[in-house]
Amino acid sequence: MAISSKRPKRKPSGGMYKYKLTKRLNNLRSHPRHTKLGEESRFSKRIVGGNIKSYLLGADSVNVYNSKDKKYKKVKILEIISNEANRHFIRRNILTKGTIVKTELGNVRITSRPGQVGTVNGVLV
């Protein structure tokens, strides 16, 4: 079944809107693609306007920004420590924005959206 992002049929007060809402192509959403901790893999999809969106399905490293050196360094992710988005994502090894991961340099907070951008960036905590 298609996932829709259209307005609900009911008003905030609980009443119904009068006109009929139908499914339209511009209301279509895609399934969430959770970025897992593991071998790096990507998925590309054509989106509206003929553009290409790159999804990151798996990642094993993160680009860490060091504010003292003002440089990025690519380091390996060892494990996931916490995830504010969903507590079950820690157990399932899913990376999202705001996740704190353990790396060789120390604990790093992910600042990018891996499922939307296609890269994993972070800063030292």
PDB file of N, CA and C in Angstrom:
ATOM      1  N   MET A   1       0.837  -1.180   0.000  1.00  0.00           N
ATOM      2  CA  MET A   1       0.000   0.000   0.000  1.00  0.00           C
ATOM      3  C   MET A   1       0.882   1.243   0.000  1.00  0.00           C
ATOM      4  N   ALA A   2       0.458   2.255  -0.704  1.00  0.00           N
ATOM      5  CA  ALA A   2       1.226   3.492  -0.826  1.00  0.00           C
ATOM      6  C   ALA A   2       1.161   4.287   0.474  1.00  0.00           C
ATOM      7  N   ILE A   3       2.267   4.949   0.804  1.00  0.00           N
ATOM      8  CA  ILE A   3       2.324   5.810   1.985  1.00  0.00           C
ATOM      9  C   ILE A   3       2.003   7.226   1.534  1.00  0.00           C
ATOM     10  N   SER A   4       1.030   7.847   2.185  1.00  0.00           N
ATOM     11  CA  SER A   4       0.590   9.177   1.790  1.00  0.00           C
ATOM     12  C   SER A   4       0.949  10.188   2.864  1.00  0.00           C
ATOM     13  N   SER A   5       1.218  11.429   2.456  1.00  0.00           N
ATOM     14  CA  SER A   5       1.509  12.500   3.409  1.00  0.00           C
ATOM     15  C   SER A   5       0.485  13.614   3.271  1.00  0.00           C
ATOM     16  N   LYS A   6      -0.755  13.259   2.938  1.00  0.00           N
ATOM     17  CA  LYS A   6      -1.787  14.270   2.769  1.00  0.00           C
ATOM     18  C   LYS A   6      -2.396  14.655   4.121  1.00  0.00           C
ATOM     19  N   ARG A   7      -3.201  15.703   4.101  1.00  0.00           N
ATOM     20  CA  ARG A   7      -3.857  16.189   5.308  1.00  0.00           C
ATOM     21  C   ARG A   7      -4.872  15.157   5.795  1.00  0.00           C
ATOM     22  N   PRO A   8      -5.051  15.023   7.111  1.00  0.00           N
ATOM     23  CA  PRO A   8      -6.034  14.049   7.603  1.00  0.00           C
ATOM     24  C   PRO A   8      -7.468  14.440   7.262  1.00  0.00           C
ATOM     25  N   LYS A   9      -8.399  13.512   7.393  1.00  0.00           N
ATOM     26  CA  LYS A   9      -9.797  13.760   7.083  1.00  0.00           C
ATOM     27  C   LYS A   9     -10.490  14.548   8.195  1.00  0.00           C
ATOM     28  N   ARG A  10      -9.918  14.490   9.384  1.00  0.00           N
ATOM     29  CA  ARG A  10     -10.558  15.146  10.524  1.00  0.00           C
ATOM     30  C   ARG A  10      -9.862  16.449  10.913  1.00  0.00           C
ATOM     31  N   LYS A  11     -10.646  17.398  11.394  1.00  0.00           N
ATOM     32  CA  LYS A  11     -10.136  18.667  11.888  1.00  0.00           C
ATOM     33  C   LYS A  11      -9.536  18.466  13.288  1.00  0.00           C
ATOM     34  N   PRO A  12      -8.770  19.450  13.775  1.00  0.00           N
ATOM     35  CA  PRO A  12      -8.252  19.341  15.147  1.00  0.00           C
ATOM     36  C   PRO A  12      -9.363  19.257  16.199  1.00  0.00           C
ATOM     37  N   SER A  13     -10.543  19.808  15.889  1.00  0.00           N
ATOM     38  CA  SER A  13     -11.663  19.755  16.828  1.00  0.00           C
ATOM     39  C   SER A  13     -12.361  18.400  16.830  1.00  0.00           C
ATOM     40  N   GLY A  14     -12.060  17.556  15.834  1.00  0.00           N
ATOM     41  CA  GLY A  14     -12.703  16.241  15.749  1.00  0.00           C
ATOM     42  C   GLY A  14     -13.721  16.158  14.632  1.00  0.00           C
ATOM     43  N   GLY A  15     -14.127  17.301  14.068  1.00  0.00           N
ATOM     44  CA  GLY A  15     -15.082  17.308  12.975  1.00  0.00           C
ATOM     45  C   GLY A  15     -14.437  16.884  11.667  1.00  0.00           C
ATOM     46  N   MET A  16     -15.280  16.590  10.664  1.00  0.00           N
ATOM     47  CA  MET A  16     -14.783  16.153   9.361  1.00  0.00           C
ATOM     48  C   MET A  16     -14.703  17.349   8.414  1.00  0.00           C
ATOM     49  N   TYR A  17     -13.704  17.326   7.513  1.00  0.00           N
ATOM     50  CA  TYR A  17     -13.663  18.307   6.438  1.00  0.00           C
ATOM     51  C   TYR A  17     -14.743  17.961   5.427  1.00  0.00           C
ATOM     52  N   LYS A  18     -15.325  18.969   4.743  1.00  0.00           N
ATOM     53  CA  LYS A  18     -16.475  18.730   3.882  1.00  0.00           C
ATOM     54  C   LYS A  18     -16.116  18.066   2.562  1.00  0.00           C
ATOM     55  N   TYR A  19     -15.053  18.537   1.897  1.00  0.00           N
ATOM     56  CA  TYR A  19     -14.793  18.030   0.547  1.00  0.00           C
ATOM     57  C   TYR A  19     -14.014  16.714   0.604  1.00  0.00           C
ATOM     58  N   LYS A  20     -14.120  15.980  -0.496  1.00  0.00           N
ATOM     59  CA  LYS A  20     -13.512  14.655  -0.572  1.00  0.00           C
ATOM     60  C   LYS A  20     -12.021  14.777  -0.901  1.00  0.00           C
ATOM     61  N   LEU A  21     -11.193  14.097  -0.131  1.00  0.00           N
ATOM     62  CA  LEU A  21      -9.766  14.063  -0.387  1.00  0.00           C
ATOM     63  C   LEU A  21      -9.419  12.779  -1.130  1.00  0.00           C
ATOM     64  N   THR A  22      -8.724  12.908  -2.239  1.00  0.00           N
ATOM     65  CA  THR A  22      -8.317  11.732  -2.993  1.00  0.00           C
ATOM     66  C   THR A  22      -6.796  11.625  -2.984  1.00  0.00           C
ATOM     67  N   LYS A  23      -6.289  10.446  -3.294  1.00  0.00           N
ATOM     68  CA  LYS A  23      -4.844  10.249  -3.356  1.00  0.00           C
ATOM     69  C   LYS A  23      -4.306  10.885  -4.636  1.00  0.00           C
ATOM     70  N   ARG A  24      -3.233  11.634  -4.485  1.00  0.00           N
ATOM     71  CA  ARG A  24      -2.590  12.278  -5.620  1.00  0.00           C
ATOM     72  C   ARG A  24      -1.122  11.868  -5.644  1.00  0.00           C
ATOM     73  N   LEU A  25      -0.514  11.975  -6.800  1.00  0.00           N
ATOM     74  CA  LEU A  25       0.881  11.588  -6.949  1.00  0.00           C
ATOM     75  C   LEU A  25       1.813  12.469  -6.120  1.00  0.00           C
ATOM     76  N   ASN A  26       1.445  13.754  -5.961  1.00  0.00           N
ATOM     77  CA  ASN A  26       2.308  14.650  -5.187  1.00  0.00           C
ATOM     78  C   ASN A  26       2.213  14.404  -3.686  1.00  0.00           C
ATOM     79  N   ASN A  27       1.268  13.588  -3.227  1.00  0.00           N
ATOM     80  CA  ASN A  27       1.151  13.244  -1.810  1.00  0.00           C
ATOM     81  C   ASN A  27       1.909  11.966  -1.453  1.00  0.00           C
ATOM     82  N   LEU A  28       2.517  11.336  -2.440  1.00  0.00           N
ATOM     83  CA  LEU A  28       3.175  10.051  -2.222  1.00  0.00           C
ATOM     84  C   LEU A  28       4.487  10.224  -1.470  1.00  0.00           C
ATOM     85  N   ARG A  29       4.733   9.364  -0.496  1.00  0.00           N
ATOM     86  CA  ARG A  29       5.995   9.348   0.247  1.00  0.00           C
ATOM     87  C   ARG A  29       6.701   8.033  -0.025  1.00  0.00           C
ATOM     88  N   SER A  30       7.987   7.990   0.292  1.00  0.00           N
ATOM     89  CA  SER A  30       8.729   6.740   0.142  1.00  0.00           C
ATOM     90  C   SER A  30       8.894   6.082   1.509  1.00  0.00           C
ATOM     91  N   HIS A  31       9.213   4.815   1.498  1.00  0.00           N
ATOM     92  CA  HIS A  31       9.419   4.070   2.737  1.00  0.00           C
ATOM     93  C   HIS A  31      10.693   4.565   3.417  1.00  0.00           C
ATOM     94  N   PRO A  32      10.737   4.561   4.757  1.00  0.00           N
ATOM     95  CA  PRO A  32      11.963   4.987   5.433  1.00  0.00           C
ATOM     96  C   PRO A  32      13.095   4.009   5.173  1.00  0.00           C
ATOM     97  N   ARG A  33      14.251   4.543   4.837  1.00  0.00           N
ATOM     98  CA  ARG A  33      15.422   3.704   4.592  1.00  0.00           C
ATOM     99  C   ARG A  33      16.396   3.958   5.732  1.00  0.00           C
ATOM    100  N   HIS A  34      16.397   3.062   6.704  1.00  0.00           N
ATOM    101  CA  HIS A  34      17.234   3.222   7.887  1.00  0.00           C
ATOM    102  C   HIS A  34      18.677   2.854   7.557  1.00  0.00           C
ATOM    103  N   THR A  35      19.602   3.760   7.877  1.00  0.00           N
ATOM    104  CA  THR A  35      21.025   3.515   7.655  1.00  0.00           C
ATOM    105  C   THR A  35      21.541   2.617   8.759  1.00  0.00           C
ATOM    106  N   LYS A  36      22.042   1.453   8.390  1.00  0.00           N
ATOM    107  CA  LYS A  36      22.532   0.468   9.356  1.00  0.00           C
ATOM    108  C   LYS A  36      24.031   0.586   9.517  1.00  0.00           C
ATOM    109  N   LEU A  37      24.517   0.154  10.667  1.00  0.00           N
ATOM    110  CA  LEU A  37      25.949   0.067  10.919  1.00  0.00           C
ATOM    111  C   LEU A  37      26.448  -1.211  10.276  1.00  0.00           C
ATOM    112  N   GLY A  38      27.364  -1.096   9.308  1.00  0.00           N
ATOM    113  CA  GLY A  38      27.863  -2.265   8.586  1.00  0.00           C
ATOM    114  C   GLY A  38      28.560  -1.837   7.307  1.00  0.00           C
ATOM    115  N   GLU A  39      28.614  -2.750   6.366  1.00  0.00           N
ATOM    116  CA  GLU A  39      29.289  -2.477   5.099  1.00  0.00           C
ATOM    117  C   GLU A  39      28.619  -1.315   4.373  1.00  0.00           C
ATOM    118  N   GLU A  40      29.431  -0.419   3.782  1.00  0.00           N
ATOM    119  CA  GLU A  40      28.896   0.779   3.134  1.00  0.00           C
ATOM    120  C   GLU A  40      28.175   0.417   1.841  1.00  0.00           C
ATOM    121  N   SER A  41      26.928   0.888   1.721  1.00  0.00           N
ATOM    122  CA  SER A  41      26.152   0.670   0.503  1.00  0.00           C
ATOM    123  C   SER A  41      25.211   1.850   0.303  1.00  0.00           C
ATOM    124  N   ARG A  42      24.941   2.166  -0.970  1.00  0.00           N
ATOM    125  CA  ARG A  42      24.093   3.303  -1.326  1.00  0.00           C
ATOM    126  C   ARG A  42      22.973   2.858  -2.259  1.00  0.00           C
ATOM    127  N   PHE A  43      21.933   3.687  -2.320  1.00  0.00           N
ATOM    128  CA  PHE A  43      20.798   3.454  -3.194  1.00  0.00           C
ATOM    129  C   PHE A  43      20.412   4.795  -3.788  1.00  0.00           C
ATOM    130  N   SER A  44      20.285   4.874  -5.095  1.00  0.00           N
ATOM    131  CA  SER A  44      19.913   6.119  -5.764  1.00  0.00           C
ATOM    132  C   SER A  44      18.517   5.998  -6.343  1.00  0.00           C
ATOM    133  N   LYS A  45      17.787   7.102  -6.330  1.00  0.00           N
ATOM    134  CA  LYS A  45      16.413   7.107  -6.827  1.00  0.00           C
ATOM    135  C   LYS A  45      16.150   8.414  -7.549  1.00  0.00           C
ATOM    136  N   ARG A  46      15.410   8.351  -8.656  1.00  0.00           N
ATOM    137  CA  ARG A  46      15.017   9.548  -9.373  1.00  0.00           C
ATOM    138  C   ARG A  46      13.851  10.180  -8.628  1.00  0.00           C
ATOM    139  N   ILE A  47      13.941  11.494  -8.400  1.00  0.00           N
ATOM    140  CA  ILE A  47      12.890  12.202  -7.688  1.00  0.00           C
ATOM    141  C   ILE A  47      12.284  13.258  -8.602  1.00  0.00           C
ATOM    142  N   VAL A  48      11.372  14.045  -8.062  1.00  0.00           N
ATOM    143  CA  VAL A  48      10.649  15.047  -8.837  1.00  0.00           C
ATOM    144  C   VAL A  48      11.628  16.037  -9.468  1.00  0.00           C
ATOM    145  N   GLY A  49      11.429  16.347 -10.727  1.00  0.00           N
ATOM    146  CA  GLY A  49      12.280  17.284 -11.441  1.00  0.00           C
ATOM    147  C   GLY A  49      13.429  16.601 -12.150  1.00  0.00           C
ATOM    148  N   GLY A  50      13.481  15.259 -12.116  1.00  0.00           N
ATOM    149  CA  GLY A  50      14.543  14.522 -12.784  1.00  0.00           C
ATOM    150  C   GLY A  50      15.831  14.461 -11.996  1.00  0.00           C
ATOM    151  N   ASN A  51      15.817  14.954 -10.764  1.00  0.00           N
ATOM    152  CA  ASN A  51      17.009  14.909  -9.929  1.00  0.00           C
ATOM    153  C   ASN A  51      17.215  13.511  -9.351  1.00  0.00           C
ATOM    154  N   ILE A  52      18.405  13.272  -8.829  1.00  0.00           N
ATOM    155  CA  ILE A  52      18.730  11.977  -8.234  1.00  0.00           C
ATOM    156  C   ILE A  52      19.013  12.174  -6.755  1.00  0.00           C
ATOM    157  N   LYS A  53      18.351  11.372  -5.905  1.00  0.00           N
ATOM    158  CA  LYS A  53      18.585  11.420  -4.463  1.00  0.00           C
ATOM    159  C   LYS A  53      19.342  10.162  -4.080  1.00  0.00           C
ATOM    160  N   SER A  54      20.379  10.322  -3.255  1.00  0.00           N
ATOM    161  CA  SER A  54      21.211   9.205  -2.837  1.00  0.00           C
ATOM    162  C   SER A  54      20.913   8.871  -1.386  1.00  0.00           C
ATOM    163  N   TYR A  55      20.539   7.625  -1.136  1.00  0.00           N
ATOM    164  CA  TYR A  55      20.280   7.150   0.214  1.00  0.00           C
ATOM    165  C   TYR A  55      21.459   6.297   0.656  1.00  0.00           C
ATOM    166  N   LEU A  56      21.855   6.435   1.898  1.00  0.00           N
ATOM    167  CA  LEU A  56      22.914   5.612   2.464  1.00  0.00           C
ATOM    168  C   LEU A  56      22.249   4.488   3.238  1.00  0.00           C
ATOM    169  N   LEU A  57      22.426   3.239   2.793  1.00  0.00           N
ATOM    170  CA  LEU A  57      21.788   2.100   3.433  1.00  0.00           C
ATOM    171  C   LEU A  57      22.658   1.493   4.523  1.00  0.00           C
ATOM    172  N   GLY A  58      23.973   1.571   4.360  1.00  0.00           N
ATOM    173  CA  GLY A  58      24.896   1.035   5.350  1.00  0.00           C
ATOM    174  C   GLY A  58      26.126   1.902   5.437  1.00  0.00           C
ATOM    175  N   ALA A  59      26.692   2.025   6.636  1.00  0.00           N
ATOM    176  CA  ALA A  59      27.891   2.841   6.830  1.00  0.00           C
ATOM    177  C   ALA A  59      28.766   2.207   7.899  1.00  0.00           C
ATOM    178  N   ASP A  60      30.082   2.260   7.688  1.00  0.00           N
ATOM    179  CA  ASP A  60      31.013   1.725   8.676  1.00  0.00           C
ATOM    180  C   ASP A  60      32.009   2.778   9.145  1.00  0.00           C
ATOM    181  N   SER A  61      31.929   4.002   8.576  1.00  0.00           N
ATOM    182  CA  SER A  61      32.845   5.065   8.969  1.00  0.00           C
ATOM    183  C   SER A  61      32.094   6.398   9.019  1.00  0.00           C
ATOM    184  N   VAL A  62      32.722   7.369   9.684  1.00  0.00           N
ATOM    185  CA  VAL A  62      32.122   8.687   9.837  1.00  0.00           C
ATOM    186  C   VAL A  62      33.200   9.742   9.606  1.00  0.00           C
ATOM    187  N   ASN A  63      32.818  10.862   8.965  1.00  0.00           N
ATOM    188  CA  ASN A  63      33.724  11.995   8.780  1.00  0.00           C
ATOM    189  C   ASN A  63      33.630  12.873  10.018  1.00  0.00           C
ATOM    190  N   VAL A  64      34.687  12.875  10.834  1.00  0.00           N
ATOM    191  CA  VAL A  64      34.673  13.595  12.109  1.00  0.00           C
ATOM    192  C   VAL A  64      35.359  14.939  11.942  1.00  0.00           C
ATOM    193  N   TYR A  65      34.668  16.001  12.402  1.00  0.00           N
ATOM    194  CA  TYR A  65      35.232  17.347  12.357  1.00  0.00           C
ATOM    195  C   TYR A  65      35.894  17.644  13.698  1.00  0.00           C
ATOM    196  N   ASN A  66      37.173  17.999  13.644  1.00  0.00           N
ATOM    197  CA  ASN A  66      37.917  18.372  14.835  1.00  0.00           C
ATOM    198  C   ASN A  66      38.005  19.897  14.863  1.00  0.00           C
ATOM    199  N   SER A  67      37.384  20.536  15.856  1.00  0.00           N
ATOM    200  CA  SER A  67      37.327  22.001  15.905  1.00  0.00           C
ATOM    201  C   SER A  67      38.685  22.628  16.215  1.00  0.00           C
ATOM    202  N   LYS A  68      39.585  21.891  16.856  1.00  0.00           N
ATOM    203  CA  LYS A  68      40.910  22.433  17.165  1.00  0.00           C
ATOM    204  C   LYS A  68      41.768  22.540  15.902  1.00  0.00           C
ATOM    205  N   ASP A  69      41.794  21.463  15.099  1.00  0.00           N
ATOM    206  CA  ASP A  69      42.578  21.450  13.861  1.00  0.00           C
ATOM    207  C   ASP A  69      41.828  22.077  12.693  1.00  0.00           C
ATOM    208  N   LYS A  70      40.490  22.188  12.834  1.00  0.00           N
ATOM    209  CA  LYS A  70      39.610  22.652  11.757  1.00  0.00           C
ATOM    210  C   LYS A  70      39.743  21.780  10.515  1.00  0.00           C
ATOM    211  N   LYS A  71      39.783  20.454  10.737  1.00  0.00           N
ATOM    212  CA  LYS A  71      39.893  19.481   9.653  1.00  0.00           C
ATOM    213  C   LYS A  71      38.971  18.302   9.907  1.00  0.00           C
ATOM    214  N   TYR A  72      38.604  17.631   8.799  1.00  0.00           N
ATOM    215  CA  TYR A  72      37.818  16.405   8.877  1.00  0.00           C
ATOM    216  C   TYR A  72      38.749  15.198   8.805  1.00  0.00           C
ATOM    217  N   LYS A  73      38.358  14.128   9.488  1.00  0.00           N
ATOM    218  CA  LYS A  73      39.125  12.884   9.442  1.00  0.00           C
ATOM    219  C   LYS A  73      38.133  11.728   9.375  1.00  0.00           C
ATOM    220  N   LYS A  74      38.362  10.799   8.474  1.00  0.00           N
ATOM    221  CA  LYS A  74      37.478   9.658   8.314  1.00  0.00           C
ATOM    222  C   LYS A  74      37.916   8.552   9.272  1.00  0.00           C
ATOM    223  N   VAL A  75      37.033   8.161  10.198  1.00  0.00           N
ATOM    224  CA  VAL A  75      37.356   7.135  11.187  1.00  0.00           C
ATOM    225  C   VAL A  75      36.278   6.056  11.196  1.00  0.00           C
ATOM    226  N   LYS A  76      36.641   4.894  11.690  1.00  0.00           N
ATOM    227  CA  LYS A  76      35.753   3.735  11.724  1.00  0.00           C
ATOM    228  C   LYS A  76      34.825   3.807  12.932  1.00  0.00           C
ATOM    229  N   ILE A  77      33.561   3.432  12.734  1.00  0.00           N
ATOM    230  CA  ILE A  77      32.587   3.385  13.821  1.00  0.00           C
ATOM    231  C   ILE A  77      32.728   2.043  14.526  1.00  0.00           C
ATOM    232  N   LEU A  78      32.895   2.070  15.846  1.00  0.00           N
ATOM    233  CA  LEU A  78      33.030   0.838  16.617  1.00  0.00           C
ATOM    234  C   LEU A  78      31.679   0.331  17.109  1.00  0.00           C
ATOM    235  N   GLU A  79      30.883   1.211  17.721  1.00  0.00           N
ATOM    236  CA  GLU A  79      29.546   0.815  18.193  1.00  0.00           C
ATOM    237  C   GLU A  79      28.686   2.049  18.399  1.00  0.00           C
ATOM    238  N   ILE A  80      27.376   1.813  18.563  1.00  0.00           N
ATOM    239  CA  ILE A  80      26.420   2.886  18.809  1.00  0.00           C
ATOM    240  C   ILE A  80      26.181   2.976  20.306  1.00  0.00           C
ATOM    241  N   ILE A  81      26.311   4.184  20.866  1.00  0.00           N
ATOM    242  CA  ILE A  81      26.151   4.376  22.313  1.00  0.00           C
ATOM    243  C   ILE A  81      24.729   4.800  22.661  1.00  0.00           C
ATOM    244  N   SER A  82      24.226   5.851  21.988  1.00  0.00           N
ATOM    245  CA  SER A  82      22.861   6.300  22.271  1.00  0.00           C
ATOM    246  C   SER A  82      22.234   6.906  21.023  1.00  0.00           C
ATOM    247  N   ASN A  83      20.900   6.906  21.019  1.00  0.00           N
ATOM    248  CA  ASN A  83      20.149   7.472  19.907  1.00  0.00           C
ATOM    249  C   ASN A  83      18.884   8.109  20.476  1.00  0.00           C
ATOM    250  N   GLU A  84      18.783   9.446  20.378  1.00  0.00           N
ATOM    251  CA  GLU A  84      17.639  10.152  20.937  1.00  0.00           C
ATOM    252  C   GLU A  84      16.378   9.983  20.099  1.00  0.00           C
ATOM    253  N   ALA A  85      16.523   9.631  18.836  1.00  0.00           N
ATOM    254  CA  ALA A  85      15.361   9.482  17.956  1.00  0.00           C
ATOM    255  C   ALA A  85      14.493   8.305  18.396  1.00  0.00           C
ATOM    256  N   ASN A  86      15.132   7.185  18.742  1.00  0.00           N
ATOM    257  CA  ASN A  86      14.388   5.992  19.139  1.00  0.00           C
ATOM    258  C   ASN A  86      15.321   5.089  19.930  1.00  0.00           C
ATOM    259  N   ARG A  87      14.909   4.668  21.105  1.00  0.00           N
ATOM    260  CA  ARG A  87      15.789   3.842  21.935  1.00  0.00           C
ATOM    261  C   ARG A  87      16.023   2.459  21.337  1.00  0.00           C
ATOM    262  N   HIS A  88      15.120   1.990  20.494  1.00  0.00           N
ATOM    263  CA  HIS A  88      15.277   0.676  19.873  1.00  0.00           C
ATOM    264  C   HIS A  88      16.273   0.699  18.714  1.00  0.00           C
ATOM    265  N   PHE A  89      16.604   1.892  18.203  1.00  0.00           N
ATOM    266  CA  PHE A  89      17.584   2.004  17.122  1.00  0.00           C
ATOM    267  C   PHE A  89      18.977   1.590  17.575  1.00  0.00           C
ATOM    268  N   ILE A  90      19.276   1.679  18.879  1.00  0.00           N
ATOM    269  CA  ILE A  90      20.578   1.261  19.404  1.00  0.00           C
ATOM    270  C   ILE A  90      20.741  -0.239  19.206  1.00  0.00           C
ATOM    271  N   ARG A  91      19.724  -0.984  19.572  1.00  0.00           N
ATOM    272  CA  ARG A  91      19.733  -2.445  19.452  1.00  0.00           C
ATOM    273  C   ARG A  91      19.778  -2.891  17.992  1.00  0.00           C
ATOM    274  N   ARG A  92      19.095  -2.130  17.113  1.00  0.00           N
ATOM    275  CA  ARG A  92      19.032  -2.488  15.696  1.00  0.00           C
ATOM    276  C   ARG A  92      20.189  -1.913  14.885  1.00  0.00           C
ATOM    277  N   ASN A  93      21.108  -1.165  15.536  1.00  0.00           N
ATOM    278  CA  ASN A  93      22.274  -0.557  14.891  1.00  0.00           C
ATOM    279  C   ASN A  93      21.890   0.371  13.742  1.00  0.00           C
ATOM    280  N   ILE A  94      20.950   1.290  14.001  1.00  0.00           N
ATOM    281  CA  ILE A  94      20.493   2.242  12.997  1.00  0.00           C
ATOM    282  C   ILE A  94      21.073   3.613  13.309  1.00  0.00           C
ATOM    283  N   LEU A  95      21.643   4.267  12.277  1.00  0.00           N
ATOM    284  CA  LEU A  95      22.261   5.583  12.414  1.00  0.00           C
ATOM    285  C   LEU A  95      21.291   6.661  11.953  1.00  0.00           C
ATOM    286  N   THR A  96      21.066   7.670  12.805  1.00  0.00           N
ATOM    287  CA  THR A  96      20.249   8.819  12.445  1.00  0.00           C
ATOM    288  C   THR A  96      20.973  10.084  12.907  1.00  0.00           C
ATOM    289  N   LYS A  97      20.412  11.236  12.592  1.00  0.00           N
ATOM    290  CA  LYS A  97      20.986  12.492  13.061  1.00  0.00           C
ATOM    291  C   LYS A  97      20.831  12.558  14.577  1.00  0.00           C
ATOM    292  N   GLY A  98      21.920  12.901  15.270  1.00  0.00           N
ATOM    293  CA  GLY A  98      21.893  12.987  16.724  1.00  0.00           C
ATOM    294  C   GLY A  98      22.385  11.747  17.429  1.00  0.00           C
ATOM    295  N   THR A  99      22.643  10.679  16.684  1.00  0.00           N
ATOM    296  CA  THR A  99      23.159   9.446  17.279  1.00  0.00           C
ATOM    297  C   THR A  99      24.577   9.663  17.781  1.00  0.00           C
ATOM    298  N   ILE A 100      24.876   9.146  18.968  1.00  0.00           N
ATOM    299  CA  ILE A 100      26.234   9.199  19.504  1.00  0.00           C
ATOM    300  C   ILE A 100      26.878   7.838  19.279  1.00  0.00           C
ATOM    301  N   VAL A 101      28.012   7.844  18.553  1.00  0.00           N
ATOM    302  CA  VAL A 101      28.715   6.603  18.235  1.00  0.00           C
ATOM    303  C   VAL A 101      30.117   6.626  18.829  1.00  0.00           C
ATOM    304  N   LYS A 102      30.632   5.437  19.100  1.00  0.00           N
ATOM    305  CA  LYS A 102      31.990   5.294  19.631  1.00  0.00           C
ATOM    306  C   LYS A 102      32.930   5.051  18.460  1.00  0.00           C
ATOM    307  N   THR A 103      34.003   5.870  18.372  1.00  0.00           N
ATOM    308  CA  THR A 103      34.984   5.735  17.296  1.00  0.00           C
ATOM    309  C   THR A 103      36.385   5.643  17.897  1.00  0.00           C
ATOM    310  N   GLU A 104      37.369   5.570  17.017  1.00  0.00           N
ATOM    311  CA  GLU A 104      38.761   5.500  17.452  1.00  0.00           C
ATOM    312  C   GLU A 104      39.213   6.806  18.103  1.00  0.00           C
ATOM    313  N   LEU A 105      38.619   7.950  17.692  1.00  0.00           N
ATOM    314  CA  LEU A 105      38.965   9.251  18.264  1.00  0.00           C
ATOM    315  C   LEU A 105      38.212   9.556  19.551  1.00  0.00           C
ATOM    316  N   GLY A 106      37.135   8.856  19.817  1.00  0.00           N
ATOM    317  CA  GLY A 106      36.284   9.112  20.980  1.00  0.00           C
ATOM    318  C   GLY A 106      34.821   9.096  20.559  1.00  0.00           C
ATOM    319  N   ASN A 107      33.963   9.629  21.421  1.00  0.00           N
ATOM    320  CA  ASN A 107      32.535   9.671  21.120  1.00  0.00           C
ATOM    321  C   ASN A 107      32.233  10.797  20.140  1.00  0.00           C
ATOM    322  N   VAL A 108      31.390  10.488  19.143  1.00  0.00           N
ATOM    323  CA  VAL A 108      31.062  11.427  18.069  1.00  0.00           C
ATOM    324  C   VAL A 108      29.551  11.502  17.926  1.00  0.00           C
ATOM    325  N   ARG A 109      29.027  12.749  17.796  1.00  0.00           N
ATOM    326  CA  ARG A 109      27.601  12.941  17.520  1.00  0.00           C
ATOM    327  C   ARG A 109      27.428  13.162  16.022  1.00  0.00           C
ATOM    328  N   ILE A 110      26.517  12.405  15.400  1.00  0.00           N
ATOM    329  CA  ILE A 110      26.270  12.517  13.964  1.00  0.00           C
ATOM    330  C   ILE A 110      25.450  13.772  13.706  1.00  0.00           C
ATOM    331  N   THR A 111      25.935  14.635  12.798  1.00  0.00           N
ATOM    332  CA  THR A 111      25.270  15.904  12.500  1.00  0.00           C
ATOM    333  C   THR A 111      24.570  15.914  11.145  1.00  0.00           C
ATOM    334  N   SER A 112      24.803  14.906  10.309  1.00  0.00           N
ATOM    335  CA  SER A 112      24.141  14.848   9.008  1.00  0.00           C
ATOM    336  C   SER A 112      22.965  13.883   9.077  1.00  0.00           C
ATOM    337  N   ARG A 113      22.162  13.865   8.017  1.00  0.00           N
ATOM    338  CA  ARG A 113      21.040  12.928   7.926  1.00  0.00           C
ATOM    339  C   ARG A 113      21.422  11.843   6.927  1.00  0.00           C
ATOM    340  N   PRO A 114      21.954  10.716   7.404  1.00  0.00           N
ATOM    341  CA  PRO A 114      22.497   9.700   6.495  1.00  0.00           C
ATOM    342  C   PRO A 114      21.483   9.155   5.490  1.00  0.00           C
ATOM    343  N   GLY A 115      20.233   9.002   5.890  1.00  0.00           N
ATOM    344  CA  GLY A 115      19.226   8.473   4.986  1.00  0.00           C
ATOM    345  C   GLY A 115      18.802   9.456   3.922  1.00  0.00           C
ATOM    346  N   GLN A 116      19.114  10.733   4.076  1.00  0.00           N
ATOM    347  CA  GLN A 116      18.721  11.752   3.118  1.00  0.00           C
ATOM    348  C   GLN A 116      19.895  12.291   2.309  1.00  0.00           C
ATOM    349  N   VAL A 117      21.051  12.435   2.951  1.00  0.00           N
ATOM    350  CA  VAL A 117      22.191  13.103   2.329  1.00  0.00           C
ATOM    351  C   VAL A 117      23.101  12.117   1.609  1.00  0.00           C
ATOM    352  N   GLY A 118      23.337  10.950   2.193  1.00  0.00           N
ATOM    353  CA  GLY A 118      24.203   9.966   1.570  1.00  0.00           C
ATOM    354  C   GLY A 118      25.589   9.921   2.177  1.00  0.00           C
ATOM    355  N   THR A 119      25.851  10.723   3.226  1.00  0.00           N
ATOM    356  CA  THR A 119      27.133  10.691   3.938  1.00  0.00           C
ATOM    357  C   THR A 119      26.864  10.760   5.437  1.00  0.00           C
ATOM    358  N   VAL A 120      27.868  10.351   6.206  1.00  0.00           N
ATOM    359  CA  VAL A 120      27.769  10.433   7.667  1.00  0.00           C
ATOM    360  C   VAL A 120      28.841  11.401   8.157  1.00  0.00           C
ATOM    361  N   ASN A 121      28.420  12.559   8.687  1.00  0.00           N
ATOM    362  CA  ASN A 121      29.327  13.552   9.244  1.00  0.00           C
ATOM    363  C   ASN A 121      29.037  13.688  10.727  1.00  0.00           C
ATOM    364  N   GLY A 122      30.068  14.066  11.500  1.00  0.00           N
ATOM    365  CA  GLY A 122      29.875  14.207  12.927  1.00  0.00           C
ATOM    366  C   GLY A 122      30.917  15.099  13.556  1.00  0.00           C
ATOM    367  N   VAL A 123      30.685  15.424  14.843  1.00  0.00           N
ATOM    368  CA  VAL A 123      31.626  16.209  15.635  1.00  0.00           C
ATOM    369  C   VAL A 123      31.912  15.479  16.933  1.00  0.00           C
ATOM    370  N   LEU A 124      33.086  15.727  17.484  1.00  0.00           N
ATOM    371  CA  LEU A 124      33.469  15.110  18.752  1.00  0.00           C
ATOM    372  C   LEU A 124      32.585  15.651  19.870  1.00  0.00           C
ATOM    373  N   VAL A 125      32.190  14.770  20.772  1.00  0.00           N
ATOM    374  CA  VAL A 125      31.343  15.162  21.909  1.00  0.00           C
ATOM    375  C   VAL A 125      32.209  15.463  23.098  1.00  0.00           C
TER     376      VAL A 125
END
